[in-house]
Amino acid sequence: MARHPSPSAASFYERVYAAVRKVPRGSVVTYGQVALYLGSPAAARAVGYALSNLPGQNDVPWWRVINAAGSISLKGRGAAADLQRQILESEGVHFDPEGHIDLNRYRWWPPESTTFD
């Protein structure tokens, strides 16, 4: 069941969605990176909450956000985690046998001129 964010959280969520939309195909960012880009370096968990509250039929590439260890963070690792991996692989992102992505290869670092608000 999705949580209904407060107005301030809703604003943060929209900023998360705008930032994640900038991540190019075949690249990933971490939850902490998104939080840092938004000026809230301690808000990695809030980035996860924002993505888990995405409305249906949206254009946010949520699957491009992974944890700092370079792996998928979905609870239970069920169908949603399988879907995330499948989409990333279809974009050319490779996983090692332990299910990790090489962040040195696939992590997106935006140009300095990129804004996230």
Protein backbone atom coordinates (compact mmCIF):
# COMPACT_ATOMS: atom_id res chain seq x y z
CA MET A 1 0.00 0.00 0.00
CA ALA A 2 1.43 3.37 -1.03
CA ARG A 3 1.95 6.04 1.56
CA HIS A 4 0.42 9.45 1.01
CA PRO A 5 3.23 11.96 1.38
CA SER A 6 2.85 15.27 3.17
CA PRO A 7 2.96 18.39 0.97
CA SER A 8 6.66 18.91 1.71
CA ALA A 9 7.41 15.26 1.00
CA ALA A 10 5.38 15.48 -2.21
CA SER A 11 7.59 18.36 -3.34
CA PHE A 12 10.70 16.32 -2.51
CA TYR A 13 9.25 13.35 -4.39
CA GLU A 14 8.71 15.48 -7.49
CA ARG A 15 12.33 16.64 -7.28
CA VAL A 16 13.46 13.00 -7.01
CA TYR A 17 11.42 12.11 -10.08
CA ALA A 18 12.88 15.05 -12.04
CA ALA A 19 16.43 13.99 -11.09
CA VAL A 20 15.91 10.32 -11.97
CA ARG A 21 14.44 11.29 -15.36
CA LYS A 22 17.89 12.70 -16.24
CA VAL A 23 19.70 9.37 -15.83
CA PRO A 24 20.46 8.10 -19.34
CA ARG A 25 19.65 4.67 -20.67
CA GLY A 26 22.35 2.13 -19.79
CA SER A 27 23.46 4.04 -16.70
CA VAL A 28 22.64 3.89 -13.00
CA VAL A 29 22.80 6.14 -9.96
CA THR A 30 22.55 5.30 -6.29
CA TYR A 31 19.88 6.45 -3.88
CA GLY A 32 22.54 8.45 -2.08
CA GLN A 33 23.65 10.16 -5.28
CA VAL A 34 20.12 11.34 -5.97
CA ALA A 35 19.83 12.64 -2.40
CA LEU A 36 23.16 14.44 -2.76
CA TYR A 37 22.15 16.01 -6.07
CA LEU A 38 19.03 17.35 -4.38
CA GLY A 39 21.02 18.92 -1.57
CA SER A 40 19.86 16.39 1.03
CA PRO A 41 22.80 14.00 1.41
CA ALA A 42 21.22 12.14 4.34
CA ALA A 43 17.97 11.45 2.46
CA ALA A 44 18.85 8.29 0.52
CA ARG A 45 16.04 6.39 2.24
CA ALA A 46 13.58 9.17 1.35
CA VAL A 47 14.63 8.77 -2.30
CA GLY A 48 13.65 5.11 -2.00
CA TYR A 49 10.29 6.05 -0.48
CA ALA A 50 9.70 8.51 -3.32
CA LEU A 51 10.37 5.85 -5.93
CA SER A 52 8.18 3.31 -4.14
CA ASN A 53 5.34 5.85 -4.28
CA LEU A 54 5.52 6.48 -8.01
CA PRO A 55 2.07 6.81 -9.55
CA GLY A 56 1.11 4.28 -12.21
CA GLN A 57 1.79 5.12 -15.84
CA ASN A 58 4.74 7.45 -15.28
CA ASP A 59 7.90 8.28 -17.20
CA VAL A 60 10.38 7.93 -14.33
CA PRO A 61 13.07 5.30 -15.02
CA TRP A 62 13.06 4.04 -11.41
CA TRP A 63 14.99 0.91 -12.41
CA ARG A 64 18.13 3.02 -12.91
CA VAL A 65 18.45 3.68 -9.16
CA ILE A 66 20.35 1.06 -7.17
CA ASN A 67 22.06 0.84 -3.80
CA ALA A 68 25.59 1.96 -2.99
CA ALA A 69 26.83 -1.64 -3.15
CA GLY A 70 25.85 -1.74 -6.82
CA SER A 71 22.88 -4.03 -6.45
CA ILE A 72 19.12 -3.98 -6.53
CA SER A 73 17.52 -3.02 -3.23
CA LEU A 74 13.91 -4.11 -3.58
CA LYS A 75 12.55 -5.84 -0.51
CA GLY A 76 12.06 -9.55 -0.90
CA ARG A 77 13.91 -9.59 -4.21
CA GLY A 78 10.75 -10.86 -5.91
CA ALA A 79 9.12 -9.99 -9.20
CA ALA A 80 9.90 -6.27 -8.96
CA ALA A 81 13.62 -6.97 -8.45
CA ASP A 82 13.56 -9.40 -11.37
CA LEU A 83 11.87 -6.74 -13.50
CA GLN A 84 14.45 -4.13 -12.51
CA ARG A 85 17.30 -6.43 -13.45
CA GLN A 86 15.62 -7.40 -16.72
CA ILE A 87 15.13 -3.76 -17.75
CA LEU A 88 18.70 -2.80 -16.81
CA GLU A 89 20.07 -5.76 -18.76
CA SER A 90 17.94 -4.77 -21.77
CA GLU A 91 19.65 -1.34 -21.57
CA GLY A 92 23.08 -2.99 -21.68
CA VAL A 93 23.89 -2.98 -17.95
CA HIS A 94 25.68 -6.17 -16.91
CA PHE A 95 25.54 -7.90 -13.52
CA ASP A 96 28.29 -10.07 -12.08
CA PRO A 97 27.48 -13.58 -10.79
CA GLU A 98 26.68 -12.14 -7.33
CA GLY A 99 24.13 -9.71 -8.78
CA HIS A 100 26.23 -6.55 -8.60
CA ILE A 101 26.73 -3.85 -11.19
CA ASP A 102 30.20 -2.38 -11.76
CA LEU A 103 29.59 1.19 -10.56
CA ASN A 104 32.90 2.32 -12.07
CA ARG A 105 31.53 1.38 -15.46
CA TYR A 106 27.79 2.13 -15.27
CA ARG A 107 27.40 4.92 -12.71
CA TRP A 108 26.24 8.16 -14.29
CA TRP A 109 28.01 11.35 -13.29
CA PRO A 110 26.07 14.30 -14.64
CA PRO A 111 27.83 17.27 -16.21
CA GLU A 112 28.49 20.07 -13.71
CA SER A 113 25.95 22.25 -15.47
CA THR A 114 23.12 19.79 -14.72
CA THR A 115 20.45 21.08 -12.35
CA PHE A 116 18.14 18.84 -10.38
CA ASP A 117 15.43 21.23 -9.21
